[in-house]
Amino acid sequence: MRNRPENQIEIRLTLSNKEGRYLGKTDEALSPEGIGMLKKAVTGGNYPTADLLFSGPMKRCLETAQILYPGQTPIFVPEWTEMDFGAFEGHNYQELSGDPAYQRWIDSGGTLPFPEGESREEFIRRNVAGYEKMLYYMKMILERSAASEQGDYNTGSEKTELERSDEIGAQDAGIQSVSAVVHGGTIMALLSHFTGGEYFDYQAKCGQGYSGILVFPMGGGAPECKDFHPLSKSGLSEFTEGETY
C-alpha cells in the first residue's frame, strides 16, 4: 500500500496501523483503541445494515465484522486476505528508508512486486477470484429464495451445497443489501479492476470504504458495478480498512 504521511492516518485500528507498518499477511487483531473507535462509530449510526455479510478471513476483518454487524454470521472468502508485502512486512517507512529495494518500489509508483511477496497483478487476480466466489454464493441464495417462493424448495433428504454449508446464515428473504468487510488492498484491487481508474485511486482509510450498486442482468451474465463512491461522501464511515457492497 502506498506510504502516507503519519499525520494523514485518522483511524488506526491495529497497533501496526498506529505505527505506520506494512500489515499484510500478519494475522494481527484489532487494538483496544481500534475496537473503541469502531464501537463509537456504530453507536453513531455510521454503518448501513446488511441482508448478507461477507468477510475476509483474517482476525482484523472478522473482529470488525462482529462489531459492525453483531449477531450476523459472515461468509468467509479466503481469497480476501491482504497483500503479501514480503520483505517489507512489519516495517514502516522510517525502517525501510535507505533500503535500495524499497526505493525501487517507491520509484515504480508501487507497481513492482514486493520482494519475496506478491505482485499487484497476482493480488488483483486473487481478489477477483474471491469476488466471483461471492457472486456464486449470492446466486445460490437468490435461486433458493426464488424456489421457495414458487413452492419448489427442496424439502427432501437431498440438499444443495448452499444448504450444507455452515458458513451461510442467510434467510430465504430477498437480498437488498450486501456488505463485505475486507482490507484496503482488496478494495483497491476490485474497484480498479471493475470500475476503472488507477489502483491507488481507491485507497480507503481504516474504518472507511465504498458503497455502490451491483446490477444483475435479467438474462444472466456478469453484474455491472455502478455508482461506487466513498462512504464518507454519504456521511458514512466504514470498516477495518474498507467495505464494499
Protein backbone atom coordinates (compact mmCIF):
# COMPACT_ATOMS: atom_id res chain seq x y z
CA MET A 1 0.00 0.00 0.00
CA ARG A 2 1.31 3.42 -0.85
CA ASN A 3 3.12 5.08 2.01
CA ARG A 4 1.21 8.00 3.52
CA PRO A 5 2.43 10.58 6.00
CA GLU A 6 1.56 9.55 9.53
CA ASN A 7 -0.48 12.67 10.18
CA GLN A 8 -2.91 11.74 7.39
CA ILE A 9 -3.98 8.48 9.06
CA GLU A 10 -7.01 9.42 11.13
CA ILE A 11 -8.17 6.00 12.35
CA ARG A 12 -5.71 3.30 13.45
CA LEU A 13 -7.41 0.01 14.17
CA THR A 14 -4.34 -2.14 14.89
CA LEU A 15 -1.01 -1.50 16.55
CA SER A 16 0.73 -1.83 13.17
CA ASN A 17 -1.65 0.76 11.69
CA LYS A 18 -0.77 3.11 14.52
CA GLU A 19 2.96 2.64 13.91
CA GLY A 20 2.60 3.04 10.14
CA ARG A 21 3.79 -0.50 9.43
CA TYR A 22 3.04 -2.62 6.37
CA LEU A 23 0.40 -5.04 7.66
CA GLY A 24 -0.46 -7.76 5.18
CA LYS A 25 -0.23 -11.49 5.85
CA THR A 26 0.38 -10.98 9.58
CA ASP A 27 -2.86 -12.02 11.30
CA GLU A 28 -2.96 -9.14 13.76
CA ALA A 29 -6.03 -8.45 15.87
CA LEU A 30 -7.65 -5.07 16.39
CA SER A 31 -6.15 -2.91 19.10
CA PRO A 32 -8.27 -1.80 22.08
CA GLU A 33 -8.13 1.71 20.63
CA GLY A 34 -9.38 0.45 17.27
CA ILE A 35 -12.20 -1.52 18.87
CA GLY A 36 -13.29 1.57 20.76
CA MET A 37 -13.29 3.67 17.60
CA LEU A 38 -15.44 1.17 15.73
CA LYS A 39 -17.91 0.79 18.59
CA LYS A 40 -18.26 4.54 18.81
CA ALA A 41 -18.89 4.75 15.06
CA VAL A 42 -21.52 2.00 15.27
CA THR A 43 -23.42 3.73 18.08
CA GLY A 44 -23.34 6.88 15.97
CA GLY A 45 -25.25 5.09 13.20
CA ASN A 46 -22.39 5.41 10.73
CA TYR A 47 -22.77 1.99 9.12
CA PRO A 48 -25.51 0.60 6.87
CA THR A 49 -27.47 -2.56 7.53
CA ALA A 50 -26.76 -5.71 5.52
CA ASP A 51 -29.04 -8.57 4.49
CA LEU A 52 -25.98 -10.64 3.65
CA LEU A 53 -22.48 -10.27 5.07
CA PHE A 54 -19.12 -11.36 3.60
CA SER A 55 -15.71 -11.03 5.21
CA GLY A 56 -12.06 -11.67 4.64
CA PRO A 57 -10.72 -14.49 6.87
CA MET A 58 -8.15 -12.56 8.93
CA LYS A 59 -8.70 -11.57 12.58
CA ARG A 60 -8.94 -7.85 11.96
CA CYS A 61 -11.69 -8.35 9.38
CA LEU A 62 -13.67 -10.85 11.43
CA GLU A 63 -13.45 -8.76 14.59
CA THR A 64 -14.58 -5.72 12.64
CA ALA A 65 -17.50 -7.65 11.16
CA GLN A 66 -18.60 -8.70 14.65
CA ILE A 67 -18.57 -5.08 15.82
CA LEU A 68 -20.27 -3.58 12.78
CA TYR A 69 -22.82 -6.39 12.34
CA PRO A 70 -23.39 -8.03 15.73
CA GLY A 71 -25.34 -11.26 15.58
CA GLN A 72 -24.71 -11.78 11.87
CA THR A 73 -22.56 -14.65 10.65
CA PRO A 74 -20.32 -13.63 7.73
CA ILE A 75 -19.49 -15.84 4.79
CA PHE A 76 -15.70 -16.12 4.71
CA VAL A 77 -13.87 -15.51 1.44
CA PRO A 78 -10.33 -16.97 1.79
CA GLU A 79 -9.04 -15.13 -1.26
CA TRP A 80 -9.61 -11.81 0.50
CA THR A 81 -6.52 -11.84 2.69
CA GLU A 82 -4.45 -8.66 2.49
CA MET A 83 -1.47 -8.21 0.17
CA ASP A 84 1.67 -10.20 0.95
CA PHE A 85 4.18 -7.39 1.46
CA GLY A 86 7.09 -9.85 1.58
CA ALA A 87 10.31 -8.36 2.94
CA PHE A 88 8.51 -5.10 3.80
CA GLU A 89 6.01 -6.82 6.12
CA GLY A 90 6.04 -5.42 9.64
CA HIS A 91 8.30 -2.46 8.76
CA ASN A 92 7.45 1.21 8.43
CA TYR A 93 8.78 3.96 6.21
CA GLN A 94 11.46 5.01 8.66
CA GLU A 95 12.85 1.50 8.96
CA LEU A 96 12.84 0.93 5.20
CA SER A 97 14.32 4.30 4.29
CA GLY A 98 17.66 3.72 2.62
CA ASP A 99 16.81 0.17 1.52
CA PRO A 100 17.54 0.05 -2.25
CA ALA A 101 14.73 -2.46 -2.86
CA TYR A 102 12.25 -0.21 -1.11
CA GLN A 103 13.43 2.83 -3.05
CA ARG A 104 12.98 0.93 -6.33
CA TRP A 105 9.46 0.03 -5.28
CA ILE A 106 8.67 3.66 -4.37
CA ASP A 107 10.17 4.91 -7.64
CA SER A 108 7.97 2.47 -9.58
CA GLY A 109 4.84 4.03 -8.10
CA GLY A 110 4.13 0.78 -6.29
CA THR A 111 3.94 -1.26 -9.50
CA LEU A 112 6.92 -3.54 -8.83
CA PRO A 113 6.28 -6.84 -6.98
CA PHE A 114 7.10 -6.76 -3.30
CA PRO A 115 10.44 -8.51 -2.70
CA GLU A 116 9.61 -12.04 -1.51
CA GLY A 117 5.94 -11.08 -1.70
CA GLU A 118 3.13 -10.58 -4.23
CA SER A 119 2.90 -8.56 -7.39
CA ARG A 120 -0.07 -6.29 -7.89
CA GLU A 121 -1.26 -8.45 -10.79
CA GLU A 122 -1.21 -11.60 -8.64
CA PHE A 123 -3.04 -9.81 -5.86
CA ILE A 124 -5.77 -8.50 -8.17
CA ARG A 125 -6.31 -11.95 -9.71
CA ARG A 126 -6.66 -13.49 -6.25
CA ASN A 127 -9.19 -10.90 -5.10
CA VAL A 128 -11.21 -11.13 -8.31
CA ALA A 129 -11.45 -14.89 -7.73
CA GLY A 130 -12.84 -14.11 -4.27
CA TYR A 131 -15.34 -11.67 -5.80
CA GLU A 132 -16.52 -14.37 -8.19
CA LYS A 133 -16.96 -16.74 -5.24
CA MET A 134 -19.07 -14.07 -3.52
CA LEU A 135 -21.28 -13.82 -6.61
CA TYR A 136 -21.63 -17.60 -6.67
CA TYR A 137 -22.95 -17.63 -3.11
CA MET A 138 -25.28 -14.73 -3.85
CA LYS A 139 -26.64 -16.53 -6.92
CA MET A 140 -27.32 -19.69 -4.92
CA ILE A 141 -29.14 -17.77 -2.21
CA LEU A 142 -31.26 -15.89 -4.75
CA GLU A 143 -32.11 -19.11 -6.56
CA ARG A 144 -33.07 -20.75 -3.28
CA SER A 145 -35.27 -17.80 -2.44
CA ALA A 146 -36.99 -17.95 -5.83
CA ALA A 147 -37.59 -21.70 -5.49
CA SER A 148 -39.06 -21.19 -2.02
CA GLU A 149 -41.47 -18.54 -3.29
CA GLN A 150 -42.63 -20.92 -6.05
CA GLY A 151 -43.21 -23.75 -3.61
CA ASP A 152 -40.48 -25.83 -5.23
CA TYR A 153 -37.99 -25.64 -2.40
CA ASN A 154 -36.27 -28.95 -1.73
CA THR A 155 -37.63 -30.48 1.48
CA GLY A 156 -36.23 -33.99 1.00
CA SER A 157 -33.02 -35.51 2.24
CA GLU A 158 -31.09 -34.29 -0.79
CA LYS A 159 -29.63 -30.86 -0.07
CA THR A 160 -27.82 -28.26 -2.13
CA GLU A 161 -24.25 -27.18 -1.44
CA LEU A 162 -25.62 -23.94 -0.04
CA GLU A 163 -27.82 -25.74 2.48
CA ARG A 164 -24.94 -27.94 3.61
CA SER A 165 -22.59 -25.02 4.22
CA ASP A 166 -22.38 -23.93 7.86
CA GLU A 167 -20.99 -20.61 6.66
CA ILE A 168 -24.26 -19.49 5.15
CA GLY A 169 -26.62 -17.96 7.65
CA ALA A 170 -28.91 -16.05 5.31
CA GLN A 171 -32.66 -16.48 5.37
CA ASP A 172 -34.74 -17.10 2.25
CA ALA A 173 -35.80 -13.47 2.13
CA GLY A 174 -34.79 -11.26 -0.77
CA ILE A 175 -31.36 -9.69 -0.67
CA GLN A 176 -31.41 -5.91 -0.90
CA SER A 177 -28.04 -5.01 0.61
CA VAL A 178 -24.76 -6.92 0.84
CA SER A 179 -21.71 -5.87 2.85
CA ALA A 180 -18.15 -7.13 2.60
CA VAL A 181 -15.67 -6.42 5.39
CA VAL A 182 -12.31 -6.52 3.66
CA HIS A 183 -8.83 -5.00 3.62
CA GLY A 184 -7.86 -1.75 1.95
CA GLY A 185 -5.86 -3.66 -0.66
CA THR A 186 -8.91 -5.70 -1.62
CA ILE A 187 -10.92 -2.53 -2.16
CA MET A 188 -8.23 -1.09 -4.43
CA ALA A 189 -7.87 -4.36 -6.33
CA LEU A 190 -11.58 -4.87 -7.00
CA LEU A 191 -12.65 -1.32 -7.74
CA SER A 192 -9.71 -0.60 -10.05
CA HIS A 193 -10.38 -3.86 -11.89
CA PHE A 194 -14.15 -3.50 -12.28
CA THR A 195 -14.76 0.24 -12.37
CA GLY A 196 -11.57 1.58 -13.96
CA GLY A 197 -9.15 4.17 -12.71
CA GLU A 198 -5.80 3.70 -11.04
CA TYR A 199 -5.17 1.21 -8.26
CA PHE A 200 -4.34 3.86 -5.65
CA ASP A 201 -7.37 5.96 -6.61
CA TYR A 202 -9.42 3.75 -4.29
CA GLN A 203 -7.39 3.99 -1.10
CA ALA A 204 -9.65 3.88 1.93
CA LYS A 205 -8.61 4.91 5.41
CA CYS A 206 -9.10 2.48 8.25
CA GLY A 207 -12.75 2.41 9.20
CA GLN A 208 -13.94 3.65 5.80
CA GLY A 209 -14.84 2.21 2.41
CA TYR A 210 -17.10 2.45 -0.63
CA SER A 211 -20.75 2.00 -1.44
CA GLY A 212 -22.29 1.16 -4.77
CA ILE A 213 -24.77 -0.91 -6.75
CA LEU A 214 -24.43 -4.30 -8.44
CA VAL A 215 -26.88 -4.67 -11.34
CA PHE A 216 -27.61 -8.28 -12.30
CA PRO A 217 -28.76 -8.62 -15.95
CA MET A 218 -32.16 -10.28 -16.40
CA GLY A 219 -30.76 -12.73 -18.95
CA GLY A 220 -27.80 -13.73 -16.80
CA GLY A 221 -24.17 -12.77 -17.14
CA ALA A 222 -21.76 -10.75 -15.05
CA PRO A 223 -23.26 -7.98 -12.90
CA GLU A 224 -22.41 -4.36 -13.62
CA CYS A 225 -20.80 -2.19 -10.94
CA LYS A 226 -22.41 1.24 -10.77
CA ASP A 227 -22.20 4.41 -8.70
CA PHE A 228 -19.37 3.36 -6.40
CA HIS A 229 -18.32 6.24 -4.18
CA PRO A 230 -16.62 6.73 -0.80
CA LEU A 231 -18.97 6.17 2.08
CA SER A 232 -17.66 9.35 3.68
CA LYS A 233 -19.48 11.27 0.93
CA SER A 234 -22.72 9.78 2.22
CA GLY A 235 -21.94 10.73 5.79
CA LEU A 236 -20.83 7.17 6.49
CA SER A 237 -17.55 5.75 7.76
CA GLU A 238 -16.58 2.13 7.14
CA PHE A 239 -14.65 -0.93 8.19
CA THR A 240 -11.28 -2.45 9.13
CA GLU A 241 -9.72 -0.97 6.07
CA GLY A 242 -12.76 -0.65 3.90
CA GLU A 243 -16.05 -2.12 2.89
CA THR A 244 -17.70 -2.58 -0.49
CA TYR A 245 -21.23 -3.72 -1.00
